[in-house]
Each structure stands twice: as C-alpha cells, then as structure tokens.
Amino acid sequence: MILTGPEIVRERDAGRLTIEPFDPAQVNPNSYNLTLGPTLLVYTGAVLDTRRPNDFVMLDIPEEGIVLDPGRIYLGASVEVIGSDHYVPIMHSRSGSARLGVFSHVTADLIDQGSHGQLTHQLRVVQPVTVYAGISLAQVDFRRTQGEPMLYDGKYQGSRGPQPSRIHLDPHNLGTAA
C-alpha cells in the first residue's frame, strides 16, 4: 500500500519517516515533492567503467539555471533528507518535468527501507532543458512492507549531495578490469 499525503504528514510527525526540511506545500495526494539541490555531478570520461571509480566534476547551478544536454547523465541531489525504517520510499519524476522530457529517475527508483540521506536525481533530457536549484523535478512516495524488515546499511547510507556510482565496490564486481 502507498501512503496518502495526510498519512505522510502523520507518519513524519510520529517520527516513522524522515523528510527534512519539510514544507507542507510540497505534500501531494500520494507523494511529497523533492527539490533539486545547488550542484550537479557530471562524469568527464567518454566511456564509464563499472569496475573502477569514474572521474567527474561538480557544477554549481547558477541563479540563471543550467542547460542539460541530451546524451549525458547529470546527478543532482534532493535538498531534502529522506528515509524510513518503516516504509520504502520510491522516487519518481514529476509529471510536469517529464512532459518537458526531463527524466529525474528513470531506473533505480526504490530507496531501501532503512536508508536515510539526500536522494540522487539521475537526470536525463531528450532535448536541451534549463533547470534551476530549488525546483521540484521529482517526488517520493512511501510504501508499506510485508515481512521482517531488513534495514539498508550500504555504501550510500547518509548521502549528502550528488553521489557518483559506487558499483565498482560491489563484491561481485571486484576484479581486474581488462
């Protein structure tokens, strides 16, 4: 089951889920809007590697915005810290940004139960689009679980700011890259 907007507020007030900072105006019927933080992470390599860390640069989003170009992945972070030991947050693009061809979270939308931190936006565009710090491109909903909880304690726990891929740290990915 998915929490309604009023239930998101009640569960946050009860301490069963985290949304910080919290703005009641960001509550929707079944989700909470996330705002984009002030920086973007952009990989600098032409080819990315799943067995090695990839070089990247951090870009500050100027007041006049920044143009995102097709064919690149831009990683941003929510301003909000999100998490719950009781629910599974799911991150989605908002329909308004999707209608501009901005995909905030095409894959990996499930945030594990027990994960707490700023959420990473995986931004892709189908044509050049200007985005601004503080705009709402994505939303998060909260789902009930069934069964004994297995709380997340992984490599992205406590994330602050845009996070690069750490897939190279997964035990099954360790080894010598060709």
N, C-alpha and C. Protein backbone atom coordinates (compact mmCIF):
# COMPACT_ATOMS: atom_id res chain seq x y z
N MET A 1 0.83 -1.19 0.00
CA MET A 1 0.00 0.00 0.00
C MET A 1 0.87 1.25 0.00
N ILE A 2 0.34 2.30 -0.57
CA ILE A 2 1.03 3.57 -0.65
C ILE A 2 0.38 4.54 0.33
N LEU A 3 1.20 5.35 1.00
CA LEU A 3 0.66 6.32 1.95
C LEU A 3 0.01 7.49 1.21
N THR A 4 -1.09 7.98 1.75
CA THR A 4 -1.71 9.20 1.24
C THR A 4 -0.91 10.41 1.74
N GLY A 5 -1.14 11.56 1.14
CA GLY A 5 -0.48 12.78 1.60
C GLY A 5 -0.68 13.05 3.08
N PRO A 6 -1.96 13.03 3.58
CA PRO A 6 -2.16 13.25 5.01
C PRO A 6 -1.46 12.21 5.89
N GLU A 7 -1.38 10.96 5.39
CA GLU A 7 -0.69 9.92 6.17
C GLU A 7 0.82 10.14 6.17
N ILE A 8 1.37 10.65 5.06
CA ILE A 8 2.79 11.02 5.03
C ILE A 8 3.08 12.04 6.12
N VAL A 9 2.22 13.04 6.24
CA VAL A 9 2.40 14.08 7.28
C VAL A 9 2.31 13.46 8.66
N ARG A 10 1.31 12.61 8.92
CA ARG A 10 1.16 11.97 10.24
C ARG A 10 2.37 11.10 10.58
N GLU A 11 2.82 10.30 9.62
CA GLU A 11 3.95 9.41 9.88
C GLU A 11 5.26 10.18 10.08
N ARG A 12 5.41 11.30 9.37
CA ARG A 12 6.57 12.16 9.59
C ARG A 12 6.51 12.76 10.99
N ASP A 13 5.35 13.27 11.36
CA ASP A 13 5.18 13.86 12.70
C ASP A 13 5.41 12.83 13.80
N ALA A 14 5.09 11.56 13.52
CA ALA A 14 5.29 10.48 14.50
C ALA A 14 6.72 9.96 14.50
N GLY A 15 7.57 10.45 13.57
CA GLY A 15 8.96 10.01 13.53
C GLY A 15 9.17 8.70 12.80
N ARG A 16 8.17 8.21 12.06
CA ARG A 16 8.31 6.94 11.36
C ARG A 16 8.86 7.09 9.95
N LEU A 17 8.96 8.33 9.48
CA LEU A 17 9.66 8.63 8.24
C LEU A 17 10.27 10.01 8.34
N THR A 18 11.34 10.21 7.59
CA THR A 18 12.08 11.47 7.62
C THR A 18 11.90 12.23 6.32
N ILE A 19 11.54 13.49 6.44
CA ILE A 19 11.56 14.46 5.35
C ILE A 19 12.05 15.75 5.99
N GLU A 20 13.29 16.10 5.73
CA GLU A 20 13.89 17.31 6.33
C GLU A 20 14.72 18.05 5.30
N PRO A 21 14.51 19.32 5.07
CA PRO A 21 13.44 20.13 5.65
C PRO A 21 12.09 19.72 5.09
N PHE A 22 11.04 20.05 5.83
CA PHE A 22 9.67 19.69 5.45
C PHE A 22 8.89 20.95 5.13
N ASP A 23 8.16 20.93 4.01
CA ASP A 23 7.31 22.04 3.61
C ASP A 23 5.92 21.47 3.30
N PRO A 24 4.91 21.81 4.08
CA PRO A 24 3.57 21.26 3.83
C PRO A 24 3.06 21.53 2.41
N ALA A 25 3.53 22.58 1.76
CA ALA A 25 3.10 22.88 0.39
C ALA A 25 3.61 21.85 -0.61
N GLN A 26 4.58 21.02 -0.23
CA GLN A 26 5.15 20.01 -1.12
C GLN A 26 4.42 18.66 -1.02
N VAL A 27 3.42 18.58 -0.15
CA VAL A 27 2.66 17.34 0.03
C VAL A 27 1.62 17.24 -1.09
N ASN A 28 1.58 16.07 -1.74
CA ASN A 28 0.61 15.75 -2.79
C ASN A 28 -0.36 14.70 -2.27
N PRO A 29 -1.37 14.32 -3.07
CA PRO A 29 -2.31 13.30 -2.60
C PRO A 29 -1.66 11.97 -2.20
N ASN A 30 -0.54 11.57 -2.87
CA ASN A 30 0.11 10.30 -2.55
C ASN A 30 1.63 10.39 -2.56
N SER A 31 2.18 11.61 -2.47
CA SER A 31 3.63 11.76 -2.55
C SER A 31 4.06 13.09 -1.95
N TYR A 32 5.36 13.29 -1.95
CA TYR A 32 5.97 14.53 -1.49
C TYR A 32 6.94 15.01 -2.56
N ASN A 33 6.85 16.27 -2.97
CA ASN A 33 7.75 16.82 -3.99
C ASN A 33 9.14 17.03 -3.42
N LEU A 34 10.15 16.68 -4.22
CA LEU A 34 11.55 16.88 -3.85
C LEU A 34 12.12 18.05 -4.63
N THR A 35 12.94 18.84 -3.98
CA THR A 35 13.58 19.98 -4.66
C THR A 35 15.03 19.65 -4.99
N LEU A 36 15.49 20.21 -6.10
CA LEU A 36 16.85 19.97 -6.58
C LEU A 36 17.84 20.86 -5.84
N GLY A 37 18.91 20.26 -5.34
CA GLY A 37 19.96 20.99 -4.65
C GLY A 37 20.79 21.85 -5.59
N PRO A 38 21.79 22.55 -5.06
CA PRO A 38 22.52 23.57 -5.81
C PRO A 38 23.67 23.08 -6.69
N THR A 39 23.94 21.77 -6.71
CA THR A 39 25.07 21.28 -7.50
C THR A 39 24.68 20.07 -8.34
N LEU A 40 25.43 19.87 -9.42
CA LEU A 40 25.28 18.69 -10.26
C LEU A 40 26.63 18.01 -10.41
N LEU A 41 26.62 16.71 -10.47
CA LEU A 41 27.82 15.92 -10.73
C LEU A 41 27.73 15.46 -12.18
N VAL A 42 28.82 15.65 -12.93
CA VAL A 42 28.87 15.24 -14.33
C VAL A 42 30.14 14.43 -14.53
N TYR A 43 30.00 13.23 -15.09
CA TYR A 43 31.17 12.41 -15.41
C TYR A 43 31.94 13.06 -16.55
N THR A 44 33.27 12.96 -16.49
CA THR A 44 34.12 13.58 -17.51
C THR A 44 34.62 12.60 -18.56
N GLY A 45 34.54 11.32 -18.30
CA GLY A 45 35.02 10.33 -19.26
C GLY A 45 34.03 10.07 -20.38
N ALA A 46 34.55 9.75 -21.54
CA ALA A 46 33.69 9.40 -22.68
C ALA A 46 33.11 8.00 -22.51
N VAL A 47 33.84 7.14 -21.79
CA VAL A 47 33.39 5.78 -21.51
C VAL A 47 33.43 5.59 -20.00
N LEU A 48 32.34 5.13 -19.44
CA LEU A 48 32.28 4.89 -18.00
C LEU A 48 32.57 3.42 -17.73
N ASP A 49 33.12 3.13 -16.54
CA ASP A 49 33.60 1.80 -16.20
C ASP A 49 32.90 1.30 -14.95
N THR A 50 32.35 0.09 -14.99
CA THR A 50 31.66 -0.48 -13.83
C THR A 50 32.60 -1.08 -12.79
N ARG A 51 33.88 -1.23 -13.12
CA ARG A 51 34.83 -1.81 -12.18
C ARG A 51 35.81 -0.81 -11.60
N ARG A 52 35.67 0.44 -11.94
CA ARG A 52 36.58 1.47 -11.44
C ARG A 52 35.78 2.72 -11.09
N PRO A 53 36.32 3.55 -10.17
CA PRO A 53 35.69 4.85 -9.97
C PRO A 53 35.82 5.67 -11.25
N ASN A 54 34.81 6.47 -11.55
CA ASN A 54 34.82 7.29 -12.76
C ASN A 54 35.06 8.75 -12.38
N ASP A 55 35.89 9.43 -13.16
CA ASP A 55 36.17 10.83 -12.90
C ASP A 55 34.93 11.67 -13.16
N PHE A 56 34.80 12.74 -12.38
CA PHE A 56 33.65 13.62 -12.54
C PHE A 56 34.03 15.02 -12.08
N VAL A 57 33.17 15.98 -12.43
CA VAL A 57 33.28 17.35 -11.93
C VAL A 57 31.97 17.70 -11.25
N MET A 58 32.06 18.62 -10.30
CA MET A 58 30.87 19.16 -9.65
C MET A 58 30.61 20.54 -10.24
N LEU A 59 29.38 20.79 -10.63
CA LEU A 59 28.98 22.07 -11.19
C LEU A 59 27.98 22.74 -10.27
N ASP A 60 28.25 24.01 -9.93
CA ASP A 60 27.25 24.79 -9.20
C ASP A 60 26.19 25.23 -10.19
N ILE A 61 24.94 25.15 -9.80
CA ILE A 61 23.85 25.62 -10.64
C ILE A 61 23.71 27.12 -10.42
N PRO A 62 24.00 27.93 -11.45
CA PRO A 62 23.90 29.38 -11.26
C PRO A 62 22.43 29.83 -11.13
N GLU A 63 22.24 31.03 -10.65
CA GLU A 63 20.89 31.57 -10.47
C GLU A 63 20.08 31.54 -11.76
N GLU A 64 20.76 31.77 -12.90
CA GLU A 64 20.06 31.77 -14.19
C GLU A 64 19.82 30.35 -14.71
N GLY A 65 20.17 29.34 -13.94
CA GLY A 65 19.95 27.95 -14.31
C GLY A 65 21.10 27.38 -15.12
N ILE A 66 20.98 26.11 -15.42
CA ILE A 66 22.00 25.41 -16.19
C ILE A 66 21.27 24.56 -17.24
N VAL A 67 21.81 24.54 -18.45
CA VAL A 67 21.21 23.78 -19.53
C VAL A 67 21.74 22.35 -19.48
N LEU A 68 20.80 21.40 -19.43
CA LEU A 68 21.15 19.99 -19.50
C LEU A 68 21.05 19.55 -20.96
N ASP A 69 22.06 18.84 -21.43
CA ASP A 69 22.12 18.39 -22.82
C ASP A 69 21.80 16.91 -22.92
N PRO A 70 21.13 16.50 -24.01
CA PRO A 70 20.88 15.07 -24.23
C PRO A 70 22.20 14.29 -24.36
N GLY A 71 22.13 13.01 -24.08
CA GLY A 71 23.31 12.16 -24.25
C GLY A 71 24.25 12.16 -23.06
N ARG A 72 23.88 12.83 -21.99
CA ARG A 72 24.70 12.88 -20.77
C ARG A 72 23.83 12.50 -19.59
N ILE A 73 24.47 12.03 -18.54
CA ILE A 73 23.78 11.81 -17.27
C ILE A 73 24.28 12.88 -16.31
N TYR A 74 23.35 13.55 -15.66
CA TYR A 74 23.65 14.56 -14.65
C TYR A 74 23.11 14.03 -13.34
N LEU A 75 23.94 14.06 -12.31
CA LEU A 75 23.50 13.61 -11.00
C LEU A 75 23.32 14.82 -10.09
N GLY A 76 22.15 14.97 -9.56
CA GLY A 76 21.85 16.02 -8.59
C GLY A 76 21.42 15.36 -7.30
N ALA A 77 21.11 16.16 -6.31
CA ALA A 77 20.63 15.62 -5.03
C ALA A 77 19.41 16.41 -4.59
N SER A 78 18.53 15.72 -3.90
CA SER A 78 17.41 16.42 -3.29
C SER A 78 17.93 17.31 -2.18
N VAL A 79 17.28 18.43 -1.98
CA VAL A 79 17.58 19.25 -0.81
C VAL A 79 17.19 18.47 0.45
N GLU A 80 16.11 17.73 0.34
CA GLU A 80 15.54 17.02 1.48
C GLU A 80 16.30 15.74 1.80
N VAL A 81 16.45 15.49 3.07
CA VAL A 81 16.91 14.19 3.56
C VAL A 81 15.66 13.33 3.72
N ILE A 82 15.69 12.16 3.11
CA ILE A 82 14.54 11.25 3.09
C ILE A 82 14.96 9.91 3.68
N GLY A 83 14.05 9.28 4.40
CA GLY A 83 14.34 7.94 4.89
C GLY A 83 13.25 7.41 5.78
N SER A 84 13.30 6.10 6.01
CA SER A 84 12.36 5.47 6.92
C SER A 84 12.84 4.05 7.25
N ASP A 85 12.68 3.69 8.50
CA ASP A 85 12.91 2.31 8.91
C ASP A 85 11.61 1.50 8.83
N HIS A 86 10.50 2.18 8.47
CA HIS A 86 9.18 1.54 8.46
C HIS A 86 8.56 1.44 7.08
N TYR A 87 9.02 2.28 6.14
CA TYR A 87 8.44 2.33 4.80
C TYR A 87 9.55 2.30 3.76
N VAL A 88 9.16 1.99 2.52
CA VAL A 88 10.08 2.01 1.39
C VAL A 88 9.76 3.25 0.56
N PRO A 89 10.67 4.24 0.52
CA PRO A 89 10.46 5.39 -0.35
C PRO A 89 10.72 5.00 -1.82
N ILE A 90 9.90 5.51 -2.70
CA ILE A 90 10.05 5.31 -4.14
C ILE A 90 10.12 6.69 -4.78
N MET A 91 11.15 6.93 -5.59
CA MET A 91 11.36 8.24 -6.22
C MET A 91 10.92 8.18 -7.67
N HIS A 92 10.18 9.20 -8.10
CA HIS A 92 9.67 9.29 -9.47
C HIS A 92 9.89 10.70 -10.01
N SER A 93 9.91 10.81 -11.32
CA SER A 93 9.84 12.14 -11.94
C SER A 93 8.45 12.70 -11.70
N ARG A 94 8.35 14.02 -11.60
CA ARG A 94 7.04 14.66 -11.56
C ARG A 94 6.51 14.74 -12.99
N SER A 95 5.23 14.71 -13.15
CA SER A 95 4.65 14.71 -14.50
C SER A 95 4.98 16.00 -15.25
N GLY A 96 5.03 17.14 -14.56
CA GLY A 96 5.36 18.39 -15.24
C GLY A 96 6.75 18.40 -15.84
N SER A 97 7.73 17.87 -15.14
CA SER A 97 9.08 17.82 -15.68
C SER A 97 9.19 16.73 -16.75
N ALA A 98 8.50 15.62 -16.57
CA ALA A 98 8.51 14.56 -17.58
C ALA A 98 7.91 15.06 -18.89
N ARG A 99 6.95 15.96 -18.81
CA ARG A 99 6.33 16.50 -20.02
C ARG A 99 7.26 17.45 -20.76
N LEU A 100 8.35 17.83 -20.13
CA LEU A 100 9.40 18.61 -20.79
C LEU A 100 10.53 17.70 -21.27
N GLY A 101 10.38 16.40 -21.07
CA GLY A 101 11.42 15.47 -21.47
C GLY A 101 12.55 15.37 -20.46
N VAL A 102 12.28 15.73 -19.21
CA VAL A 102 13.27 15.62 -18.14
C VAL A 102 12.94 14.37 -17.33
N PHE A 103 13.87 13.44 -17.31
CA PHE A 103 13.70 12.22 -16.53
C PHE A 103 14.59 12.33 -15.30
N SER A 104 13.95 12.38 -14.13
CA SER A 104 14.69 12.55 -12.88
C SER A 104 15.18 11.24 -12.31
N HIS A 105 14.48 10.19 -12.63
CA HIS A 105 14.81 8.92 -12.02
C HIS A 105 14.22 7.81 -12.87
N VAL A 106 14.86 7.48 -13.96
CA VAL A 106 14.32 6.51 -14.90
C VAL A 106 14.42 5.09 -14.32
N THR A 107 15.51 4.79 -13.66
CA THR A 107 15.72 3.46 -13.07
C THR A 107 16.15 3.63 -11.62
N ALA A 108 16.23 2.55 -10.90
CA ALA A 108 16.69 2.54 -9.50
C ALA A 108 15.86 3.48 -8.65
N ASP A 109 14.53 3.40 -8.77
CA ASP A 109 13.65 4.30 -8.05
C ASP A 109 13.38 3.87 -6.61
N LEU A 110 13.68 2.62 -6.29
CA LEU A 110 13.43 2.08 -4.96
C LEU A 110 14.54 2.51 -4.01
N ILE A 111 14.15 3.13 -2.91
CA ILE A 111 15.09 3.52 -1.85
C ILE A 111 14.87 2.51 -0.73
N ASP A 112 15.87 1.75 -0.40
CA ASP A 112 15.69 0.66 0.56
C ASP A 112 15.22 1.15 1.92
N GLN A 113 14.40 0.31 2.53
CA GLN A 113 13.96 0.55 3.90
C GLN A 113 15.19 0.64 4.79
N GLY A 114 15.27 1.69 5.60
CA GLY A 114 16.43 1.90 6.46
C GLY A 114 17.46 2.84 5.89
N SER A 115 17.32 3.20 4.62
CA SER A 115 18.23 4.18 4.01
C SER A 115 17.79 5.58 4.42
N HIS A 116 18.75 6.42 4.75
CA HIS A 116 18.48 7.81 5.15
C HIS A 116 19.52 8.69 4.49
N GLY A 117 19.09 9.71 3.77
CA GLY A 117 20.02 10.65 3.14
C GLY A 117 19.32 11.46 2.08
N GLN A 118 20.09 12.34 1.45
CA GLN A 118 19.57 13.05 0.29
C GLN A 118 19.50 12.07 -0.87
N LEU A 119 18.46 12.18 -1.67
CA LEU A 119 18.29 11.26 -2.79
C LEU A 119 18.97 11.81 -4.03
N THR A 120 19.60 10.92 -4.79
CA THR A 120 20.29 11.33 -6.01
C THR A 120 19.34 11.32 -7.19
N HIS A 121 19.21 12.48 -7.84
CA HIS A 121 18.46 12.60 -9.09
C HIS A 121 19.38 12.11 -10.21
N GLN A 122 18.89 11.21 -11.04
CA GLN A 122 19.63 10.74 -12.22
C GLN A 122 18.98 11.44 -13.42
N LEU A 123 19.48 12.62 -13.75
CA LEU A 123 18.82 13.50 -14.72
C LEU A 123 19.26 13.21 -16.15
N ARG A 124 18.26 12.98 -17.02
CA ARG A 124 18.47 12.81 -18.47
C ARG A 124 17.40 13.64 -19.16
N VAL A 125 17.76 14.20 -20.31
CA VAL A 125 16.80 15.01 -21.07
C VAL A 125 16.77 14.55 -22.52
N VAL A 126 15.63 14.76 -23.17
CA VAL A 126 15.51 14.36 -24.57
C VAL A 126 15.85 15.52 -25.51
N GLN A 127 15.86 16.73 -24.99
CA GLN A 127 16.32 17.90 -25.73
C GLN A 127 16.88 18.85 -24.68
N PRO A 128 17.65 19.88 -25.05
CA PRO A 128 18.20 20.78 -24.05
C PRO A 128 17.10 21.40 -23.18
N VAL A 129 17.30 21.38 -21.87
CA VAL A 129 16.35 21.93 -20.91
C VAL A 129 17.14 22.67 -19.84
N THR A 130 16.68 23.85 -19.47
CA THR A 130 17.29 24.61 -18.38
C THR A 130 16.62 24.21 -17.07
N VAL A 131 17.44 23.88 -16.07
CA VAL A 131 16.93 23.57 -14.74
C VAL A 131 17.57 24.53 -13.73
N TYR A 132 16.94 24.64 -12.59
CA TYR A 132 17.35 25.60 -11.57
C TYR A 132 17.41 24.91 -10.21
N ALA A 133 18.33 25.37 -9.36
CA ALA A 133 18.37 24.87 -7.99
C ALA A 133 17.06 25.27 -7.32
N GLY A 134 16.53 24.35 -6.53
CA GLY A 134 15.31 24.62 -5.78
C GLY A 134 14.02 24.25 -6.50
N ILE A 135 14.10 23.85 -7.79
CA ILE A 135 12.86 23.45 -8.47
C ILE A 135 12.51 22.01 -8.10
N SER A 136 11.28 21.69 -8.32
CA SER A 136 10.79 20.35 -7.98
C SER A 136 10.66 19.53 -9.26
N LEU A 137 11.61 18.63 -9.48
CA LEU A 137 11.60 17.75 -10.64
C LEU A 137 11.11 16.35 -10.32
N ALA A 138 11.15 15.99 -9.06
CA ALA A 138 10.83 14.61 -8.67
C ALA A 138 9.93 14.60 -7.44
N GLN A 139 9.43 13.43 -7.15
CA GLN A 139 8.60 13.24 -5.97
C GLN A 139 8.92 11.88 -5.36
N VAL A 140 8.54 11.72 -4.11
CA VAL A 140 8.78 10.46 -3.42
C VAL A 140 7.47 10.00 -2.80
N ASP A 141 7.19 8.71 -2.92
CA ASP A 141 6.05 8.14 -2.19
C ASP A 141 6.60 7.11 -1.22
N PHE A 142 5.75 6.64 -0.33
CA PHE A 142 6.17 5.72 0.71
C PHE A 142 5.25 4.50 0.70
N ARG A 143 5.87 3.32 0.68
CA ARG A 143 5.12 2.07 0.58
C ARG A 143 5.32 1.23 1.85
N ARG A 144 4.25 0.59 2.25
CA ARG A 144 4.30 -0.34 3.38
C ARG A 144 5.00 -1.62 2.94
N THR A 145 5.65 -2.27 3.89
CA THR A 145 6.33 -3.53 3.60
C THR A 145 5.57 -4.67 4.28
N GLN A 146 5.89 -5.87 3.87
CA GLN A 146 5.33 -7.06 4.49
C GLN A 146 6.49 -7.97 4.85
N GLY A 147 6.47 -8.49 6.05
CA GLY A 147 7.54 -9.38 6.49
C GLY A 147 8.53 -8.67 7.40
N GLU A 148 9.49 -9.45 7.86
CA GLU A 148 10.51 -8.93 8.76
C GLU A 148 11.40 -7.94 8.02
N PRO A 149 11.60 -6.74 8.60
CA PRO A 149 12.43 -5.75 7.89
C PRO A 149 13.90 -6.16 7.85
N MET A 150 14.54 -5.79 6.76
CA MET A 150 15.98 -5.94 6.59
C MET A 150 16.47 -4.54 6.22
N LEU A 151 16.96 -3.79 7.20
CA LEU A 151 17.28 -2.39 7.00
C LEU A 151 18.58 -2.20 6.23
N TYR A 152 18.56 -1.23 5.34
CA TYR A 152 19.70 -0.89 4.50
C TYR A 152 20.86 -0.39 5.35
N ASP A 153 22.06 -0.84 5.02
CA ASP A 153 23.28 -0.36 5.66
C ASP A 153 24.39 -0.40 4.62
N GLY A 154 24.13 0.19 3.46
CA GLY A 154 25.05 0.08 2.34
C GLY A 154 25.89 1.30 2.09
N LYS A 155 26.53 1.30 0.94
CA LYS A 155 27.55 2.29 0.59
C LYS A 155 27.02 3.70 0.35
N TYR A 156 25.71 3.88 0.21
CA TYR A 156 25.15 5.21 0.00
C TYR A 156 24.46 5.76 1.26
N GLN A 157 24.52 5.00 2.36
CA GLN A 157 23.86 5.44 3.60
C GLN A 157 24.37 6.80 4.03
N GLY A 158 23.45 7.70 4.39
CA GLY A 158 23.81 9.03 4.88
C GLY A 158 24.26 9.98 3.80
N SER A 159 23.94 9.70 2.55
CA SER A 159 24.39 10.52 1.42
C SER A 159 24.01 11.99 1.59
N ARG A 160 24.95 12.83 1.23
CA ARG A 160 24.72 14.28 1.16
C ARG A 160 25.29 14.75 -0.16
N GLY A 161 24.49 15.43 -0.95
CA GLY A 161 24.93 15.90 -2.26
C GLY A 161 24.84 14.79 -3.29
N PRO A 162 25.08 15.14 -4.56
CA PRO A 162 25.03 14.13 -5.63
C PRO A 162 26.08 13.05 -5.40
N GLN A 163 25.70 11.81 -5.58
CA GLN A 163 26.59 10.67 -5.34
C GLN A 163 26.94 9.96 -6.64
N PRO A 164 28.24 9.81 -6.93
CA PRO A 164 28.62 9.03 -8.12
C PRO A 164 28.34 7.55 -7.89
N SER A 165 28.34 6.80 -8.96
CA SER A 165 28.17 5.36 -8.86
C SER A 165 29.30 4.76 -8.03
N ARG A 166 28.93 3.82 -7.20
CA ARG A 166 29.91 3.05 -6.44
C ARG A 166 29.76 1.56 -6.77
N ILE A 167 29.26 1.28 -7.96
CA ILE A 167 29.05 -0.11 -8.37
C ILE A 167 30.36 -0.90 -8.33
N HIS A 168 31.47 -0.21 -8.52
CA HIS A 168 32.77 -0.88 -8.52
C HIS A 168 33.11 -1.48 -7.14
N LEU A 169 32.40 -1.07 -6.10
CA LEU A 169 32.64 -1.59 -4.76
C LEU A 169 31.84 -2.85 -4.45
N ASP A 170 30.89 -3.20 -5.32
CA ASP A 170 30.09 -4.41 -5.10
C ASP A 170 31.00 -5.64 -5.18
N PRO A 171 30.85 -6.58 -4.24
CA PRO A 171 31.75 -7.75 -4.22
C PRO A 171 31.79 -8.51 -5.54
N HIS A 172 30.69 -8.65 -6.24
CA HIS A 172 30.68 -9.42 -7.50
C HIS A 172 31.28 -8.62 -8.65
N ASN A 173 31.56 -7.33 -8.45
CA ASN A 173 32.19 -6.52 -9.50
C ASN A 173 33.67 -6.31 -9.27
N LEU A 174 34.17 -6.77 -8.13
CA LEU A 174 35.59 -6.62 -7.86
C LEU A 174 36.39 -7.54 -8.78
N GLY A 175 37.50 -7.09 -9.15
CA GLY A 175 38.34 -7.89 -10.05
C GLY A 175 39.16 -6.96 -10.90
N THR A 176 39.86 -7.51 -11.79
CA THR A 176 40.74 -6.74 -12.66
C THR A 176 39.99 -6.40 -13.94
N ALA A 177 39.84 -5.12 -14.19
CA ALA A 177 39.22 -4.70 -15.45
C ALA A 177 40.21 -4.89 -16.58
N ALA A 178 39.70 -5.29 -17.71
CA ALA A 178 40.56 -5.53 -18.87
C ALA A 178 41.20 -4.27 -19.38
